[in-house]
PDB file of N, CA and C in Angstrom:
ATOM      1  N   MET A   1     -17.887   2.969  16.883  1.00  0.00           N
ATOM      2  CA  MET A   1     -17.301   2.683  15.587  1.00  0.00           C
ATOM      3  C   MET A   1     -16.556   1.340  15.661  1.00  0.00           C
ATOM      4  N   ASP A   2     -16.860   0.475  14.689  1.00  0.00           N
ATOM      5  CA  ASP A   2     -16.228  -0.834  14.640  1.00  0.00           C
ATOM      6  C   ASP A   2     -14.821  -0.721  14.050  1.00  0.00           C
ATOM      7  N   ILE A   3     -13.890  -1.482  14.557  1.00  0.00           N
ATOM      8  CA  ILE A   3     -12.549  -1.536  14.043  1.00  0.00           C
ATOM      9  C   ILE A   3     -12.474  -2.681  13.032  1.00  0.00           C
ATOM     10  N   LEU A   4     -12.018  -2.379  11.832  1.00  0.00           N
ATOM     11  CA  LEU A   4     -11.900  -3.399  10.803  1.00  0.00           C
ATOM     12  C   LEU A   4     -10.550  -4.068  10.911  1.00  0.00           C
ATOM     13  N   ASN A   5     -10.543  -5.376  10.806  1.00  0.00           N
ATOM     14  CA  ASN A   5      -9.326  -6.151  10.937  1.00  0.00           C
ATOM     15  C   ASN A   5      -9.031  -6.809   9.576  1.00  0.00           C
ATOM     16  N   PHE A   6      -7.983  -6.374   8.882  1.00  0.00           N
ATOM     17  CA  PHE A   6      -7.683  -6.877   7.556  1.00  0.00           C
ATOM     18  C   PHE A   6      -6.509  -7.871   7.566  1.00  0.00           C
ATOM     19  N   ARG A   7      -6.209  -8.444   8.702  1.00  0.00           N
ATOM     20  CA  ARG A   7      -5.127  -9.421   8.759  1.00  0.00           C
ATOM     21  C   ARG A   7      -5.530 -10.693   8.024  1.00  0.00           C
ATOM     22  N   SER A   8      -4.591 -11.604   7.908  1.00  0.00           N
ATOM     23  CA  SER A   8      -4.779 -12.817   7.111  1.00  0.00           C
ATOM     24  C   SER A   8      -5.828 -13.772   7.686  1.00  0.00           C
ATOM     25  N   GLY A   9      -5.932 -14.926   7.042  1.00  0.00           N
ATOM     26  CA  GLY A   9      -6.901 -15.930   7.412  1.00  0.00           C
ATOM     27  C   GLY A   9      -6.689 -16.495   8.803  1.00  0.00           C
ATOM     28  N   THR A  10      -5.623 -16.157   9.459  1.00  0.00           N
ATOM     29  CA  THR A  10      -5.426 -16.634  10.825  1.00  0.00           C
ATOM     30  C   THR A  10      -6.337 -15.919  11.783  1.00  0.00           C
ATOM     31  N   VAL A  11      -6.852 -14.780  11.363  1.00  0.00           N
ATOM     32  CA  VAL A  11      -7.755 -14.022  12.210  1.00  0.00           C
ATOM     33  C   VAL A  11      -9.174 -14.052  11.653  1.00  0.00           C
ATOM     34  N   THR A  12      -9.334 -13.842  10.367  1.00  0.00           N
ATOM     35  CA  THR A  12     -10.650 -13.820   9.753  1.00  0.00           C
ATOM     36  C   THR A  12     -11.049 -15.228   9.322  1.00  0.00           C
ATOM     37  N   GLN A  13     -12.330 -15.446   9.241  1.00  0.00           N
ATOM     38  CA  GLN A  13     -12.852 -16.761   8.838  1.00  0.00           C
ATOM     39  C   GLN A  13     -13.723 -16.587   7.588  1.00  0.00           C
ATOM     40  N   PRO A  14     -13.564 -17.478   6.583  1.00  0.00           N
ATOM     41  CA  PRO A  14     -14.391 -17.388   5.377  1.00  0.00           C
ATOM     42  C   PRO A  14     -15.822 -17.758   5.646  1.00  0.00           C
ATOM     43  N   THR A  15     -16.711 -17.144   4.894  1.00  0.00           N
ATOM     44  CA  THR A  15     -18.120 -17.494   5.031  1.00  0.00           C
ATOM     45  C   THR A  15     -18.390 -18.759   4.217  1.00  0.00           C
ATOM     46  N   ASP A  16     -19.550 -19.348   4.407  1.00  0.00           N
ATOM     47  CA  ASP A  16     -19.929 -20.536   3.641  1.00  0.00           C
ATOM     48  C   ASP A  16     -19.906 -20.250   2.134  1.00  0.00           C
ATOM     49  N   ARG A  17     -20.395 -19.074   1.769  1.00  0.00           N
ATOM     50  CA  ARG A  17     -20.422 -18.699   0.350  1.00  0.00           C
ATOM     51  C   ARG A  17     -18.992 -18.609  -0.209  1.00  0.00           C
ATOM     52  N   MET A  18     -18.062 -18.108   0.564  1.00  0.00           N
ATOM     53  CA  MET A  18     -16.677 -18.035   0.142  1.00  0.00           C
ATOM     54  C   MET A  18     -16.087 -19.446  -0.017  1.00  0.00           C
ATOM     55  N   ARG A  19     -16.390 -20.322   0.891  1.00  0.00           N
ATOM     56  CA  ARG A  19     -15.912 -21.709   0.800  1.00  0.00           C
ATOM     57  C   ARG A  19     -16.458 -22.416  -0.442  1.00  0.00           C
ATOM     58  N   GLU A  20     -17.719 -22.185  -0.742  1.00  0.00           N
ATOM     59  CA  GLU A  20     -18.340 -22.777  -1.940  1.00  0.00           C
ATOM     60  C   GLU A  20     -17.683 -22.272  -3.217  1.00  0.00           C
ATOM     61  N   ALA A  21     -17.407 -20.951  -3.263  1.00  0.00           N
ATOM     62  CA  ALA A  21     -16.772 -20.376  -4.433  1.00  0.00           C
ATOM     63  C   ALA A  21     -15.393 -20.953  -4.640  1.00  0.00           C
ATOM     64  N   THR A  22     -14.638 -21.138  -3.566  1.00  0.00           N
ATOM     65  CA  THR A  22     -13.292 -21.684  -3.648  1.00  0.00           C
ATOM     66  C   THR A  22     -13.351 -23.140  -4.101  1.00  0.00           C
ATOM     67  N   ALA A  23     -14.273 -23.895  -3.554  1.00  0.00           N
ATOM     68  CA  ALA A  23     -14.401 -25.303  -3.902  1.00  0.00           C
ATOM     69  C   ALA A  23     -14.797 -25.525  -5.346  1.00  0.00           C
ATOM     70  N   SER A  24     -15.584 -24.607  -5.902  1.00  0.00           N
ATOM     71  CA  SER A  24     -16.071 -24.796  -7.276  1.00  0.00           C
ATOM     72  C   SER A  24     -15.183 -24.080  -8.330  1.00  0.00           C
ATOM     73  N   ALA A  25     -14.139 -23.436  -7.896  1.00  0.00           N
ATOM     74  CA  ALA A  25     -13.277 -22.708  -8.824  1.00  0.00           C
ATOM     75  C   ALA A  25     -12.577 -23.662  -9.774  1.00  0.00           C
ATOM     76  N   VAL A  26     -12.427 -23.243 -11.025  1.00  0.00           N
ATOM     77  CA  VAL A  26     -11.721 -24.039 -12.017  1.00  0.00           C
ATOM     78  C   VAL A  26     -10.282 -23.541 -12.043  1.00  0.00           C
ATOM     79  N   VAL A  27      -9.353 -24.466 -11.798  1.00  0.00           N
ATOM     80  CA  VAL A  27      -7.947 -24.108 -11.782  1.00  0.00           C
ATOM     81  C   VAL A  27      -7.355 -24.304 -13.165  1.00  0.00           C
ATOM     82  N   GLY A  28      -6.693 -23.276 -13.676  1.00  0.00           N
ATOM     83  CA  GLY A  28      -6.052 -23.347 -15.000  1.00  0.00           C
ATOM     84  C   GLY A  28      -7.056 -23.327 -16.143  1.00  0.00           C
ATOM     85  N   GLY A  29      -8.254 -22.889 -15.898  1.00  0.00           N
ATOM     86  CA  GLY A  29      -9.273 -22.910 -16.932  1.00  0.00           C
ATOM     87  C   GLY A  29      -9.445 -21.647 -17.710  1.00  0.00           C
ATOM     88  N   ASP A  30      -8.732 -20.584 -17.355  1.00  0.00           N
ATOM     89  CA  ASP A  30      -8.885 -19.302 -18.019  1.00  0.00           C
ATOM     90  C   ASP A  30      -7.766 -19.118 -19.047  1.00  0.00           C
ATOM     91  N   PRO A  31      -8.089 -19.194 -20.322  1.00  0.00           N
ATOM     92  CA  PRO A  31      -7.054 -19.067 -21.364  1.00  0.00           C
ATOM     93  C   PRO A  31      -6.285 -17.749 -21.313  1.00  0.00           C
ATOM     94  N   THR A  32      -6.941 -16.678 -20.915  1.00  0.00           N
ATOM     95  CA  THR A  32      -6.293 -15.388 -20.842  1.00  0.00           C
ATOM     96  C   THR A  32      -5.215 -15.401 -19.750  1.00  0.00           C
ATOM     97  N   VAL A  33      -5.528 -15.969 -18.595  1.00  0.00           N
ATOM     98  CA  VAL A  33      -4.563 -16.065 -17.512  1.00  0.00           C
ATOM     99  C   VAL A  33      -3.415 -16.982 -17.911  1.00  0.00           C
ATOM    100  N   ASN A  34      -3.739 -18.094 -18.552  1.00  0.00           N
ATOM    101  CA  ASN A  34      -2.689 -19.016 -18.993  1.00  0.00           C
ATOM    102  C   ASN A  34      -1.737 -18.323 -19.971  1.00  0.00           C
ATOM    103  N   GLU A  35      -2.293 -17.560 -20.903  1.00  0.00           N
ATOM    104  CA  GLU A  35      -1.456 -16.845 -21.887  1.00  0.00           C
ATOM    105  C   GLU A  35      -0.583 -15.796 -21.194  1.00  0.00           C
ATOM    106  N   LEU A  36      -1.124 -15.095 -20.225  1.00  0.00           N
ATOM    107  CA  LEU A  36      -0.356 -14.121 -19.459  1.00  0.00           C
ATOM    108  C   LEU A  36       0.792 -14.803 -18.719  1.00  0.00           C
ATOM    109  N   ASP A  37       0.499 -15.948 -18.087  1.00  0.00           N
ATOM    110  CA  ASP A  37       1.536 -16.688 -17.378  1.00  0.00           C
ATOM    111  C   ASP A  37       2.657 -17.070 -18.332  1.00  0.00           C
ATOM    112  N   GLU A  38       2.299 -17.624 -19.486  1.00  0.00           N
ATOM    113  CA  GLU A  38       3.298 -18.076 -20.447  1.00  0.00           C
ATOM    114  C   GLU A  38       4.140 -16.901 -20.990  1.00  0.00           C
ATOM    115  N   SER A  39       3.489 -15.805 -21.300  1.00  0.00           N
ATOM    116  CA  SER A  39       4.257 -14.665 -21.825  1.00  0.00           C
ATOM    117  C   SER A  39       5.135 -14.054 -20.756  1.00  0.00           C
ATOM    118  N   SER A  40       4.701 -14.077 -19.499  1.00  0.00           N
ATOM    119  CA  SER A  40       5.532 -13.570 -18.409  1.00  0.00           C
ATOM    120  C   SER A  40       6.771 -14.413 -18.223  1.00  0.00           C
ATOM    121  N   VAL A  41       6.601 -15.724 -18.317  1.00  0.00           N
ATOM    122  CA  VAL A  41       7.756 -16.615 -18.166  1.00  0.00           C
ATOM    123  C   VAL A  41       8.717 -16.427 -19.325  1.00  0.00           C
ATOM    124  N   ARG A  42       8.202 -16.322 -20.551  1.00  0.00           N
ATOM    125  CA  ARG A  42       9.088 -16.104 -21.696  1.00  0.00           C
ATOM    126  C   ARG A  42       9.898 -14.811 -21.538  1.00  0.00           C
ATOM    127  N   ARG A  43       9.238 -13.743 -21.107  1.00  0.00           N
ATOM    128  CA  ARG A  43       9.929 -12.462 -20.925  1.00  0.00           C
ATOM    129  C   ARG A  43      10.970 -12.563 -19.806  1.00  0.00           C
ATOM    130  N   ALA A  44      10.632 -13.228 -18.719  1.00  0.00           N
ATOM    131  CA  ALA A  44      11.577 -13.374 -17.617  1.00  0.00           C
ATOM    132  C   ALA A  44      12.823 -14.152 -18.069  1.00  0.00           C
ATOM    133  N   VAL A  45      12.622 -15.199 -18.898  1.00  0.00           N
ATOM    134  CA  VAL A  45      13.735 -15.939 -19.395  1.00  0.00           C
ATOM    135  C   VAL A  45      14.625 -15.077 -20.284  1.00  0.00           C
ATOM    136  N   GLU A  46      13.990 -14.257 -21.134  1.00  0.00           N
ATOM    137  CA  GLU A  46      14.743 -13.331 -22.006  1.00  0.00           C
ATOM    138  C   GLU A  46      15.586 -12.371 -21.156  1.00  0.00           C
ATOM    139  N   ILE A  47      14.977 -11.799 -20.141  1.00  0.00           N
ATOM    140  CA  ILE A  47      15.681 -10.845 -19.287  1.00  0.00           C
ATOM    141  C   ILE A  47      16.844 -11.519 -18.568  1.00  0.00           C
ATOM    142  N   MET A  48      16.599 -12.707 -18.026  1.00  0.00           N
ATOM    143  CA  MET A  48      17.669 -13.420 -17.317  1.00  0.00           C
ATOM    144  C   MET A  48      18.798 -13.762 -18.277  1.00  0.00           C
ATOM    145  N   GLY A  49      18.467 -14.106 -19.520  1.00  0.00           N
ATOM    146  CA  GLY A  49      19.491 -14.398 -20.523  1.00  0.00           C
ATOM    147  C   GLY A  49      20.369 -13.175 -20.770  1.00  0.00           C
ATOM    148  N   GLU A  50      19.744 -12.004 -20.837  1.00  0.00           N
ATOM    149  CA  GLU A  50      20.493 -10.768 -21.056  1.00  0.00           C
ATOM    150  C   GLU A  50      21.378 -10.456 -19.856  1.00  0.00           C
ATOM    151  N   ILE A  51      20.858 -10.642 -18.678  1.00  0.00           N
ATOM    152  CA  ILE A  51      21.638 -10.355 -17.462  1.00  0.00           C
ATOM    153  C   ILE A  51      22.827 -11.299 -17.374  1.00  0.00           C
ATOM    154  N   LEU A  52      22.561 -12.577 -17.539  1.00  0.00           N
ATOM    155  CA  LEU A  52      23.631 -13.558 -17.426  1.00  0.00           C
ATOM    156  C   LEU A  52      24.692 -13.363 -18.480  1.00  0.00           C
ATOM    157  N   GLU A  53      24.248 -13.013 -19.687  1.00  0.00           N
ATOM    158  CA  GLU A  53      25.217 -12.768 -20.776  1.00  0.00           C
ATOM    159  C   GLU A  53      26.090 -11.573 -20.444  1.00  0.00           C
ATOM    160  N   SER A  54      25.468 -10.497 -19.967  1.00  0.00           N
ATOM    161  CA  SER A  54      26.265  -9.296 -19.642  1.00  0.00           C
ATOM    162  C   SER A  54      27.210  -9.563 -18.483  1.00  0.00           C
ATOM    163  N   CYS A  55      26.808 -10.352 -17.518  1.00  0.00           N
ATOM    164  CA  CYS A  55      27.701 -10.703 -16.394  1.00  0.00           C
ATOM    165  C   CYS A  55      28.880 -11.533 -16.887  1.00  0.00           C
ATOM    166  N   GLU A  56      28.567 -12.480 -17.766  1.00  0.00           N
ATOM    167  CA  GLU A  56      29.592 -13.349 -18.299  1.00  0.00           C
ATOM    168  C   GLU A  56      30.627 -12.542 -19.080  1.00  0.00           C
ATOM    169  N   VAL A  57      30.169 -11.614 -19.906  1.00  0.00           N
ATOM    170  CA  VAL A  57      31.059 -10.768 -20.684  1.00  0.00           C
ATOM    171  C   VAL A  57      31.863  -9.856 -19.745  1.00  0.00           C
ATOM    172  N   GLY A  58      31.219  -9.339 -18.718  1.00  0.00           N
ATOM    173  CA  GLY A  58      31.888  -8.445 -17.793  1.00  0.00           C
ATOM    174  C   GLY A  58      32.940  -9.140 -16.947  1.00  0.00           C
ATOM    175  N   ASN A  59      32.772 -10.445 -16.746  1.00  0.00           N
ATOM    176  CA  ASN A  59      33.729 -11.173 -15.907  1.00  0.00           C
ATOM    177  C   ASN A  59      34.944 -11.654 -16.698  1.00  0.00           C
ATOM    178  N   ARG A  60      34.973 -11.423 -17.978  1.00  0.00           N
ATOM    179  CA  ARG A  60      36.106 -11.915 -18.767  1.00  0.00           C
ATOM    180  C   ARG A  60      37.302 -11.003 -18.679  1.00  0.00           C
TER     181      ARG A  60
END
């Protein structure tokens, strides 16, 4: 029985097909991913605003 090794790239090596896929990937080209990123940042800013506001009020 073979032992599978799922450690990081320091142990495993990508195949030529994997290298080609990485090299041809479009960065920032997916509108759905971009929209998710933007909405996540907006929500994080809202949450941080609520936390900071409550801390500020609590420290008075």
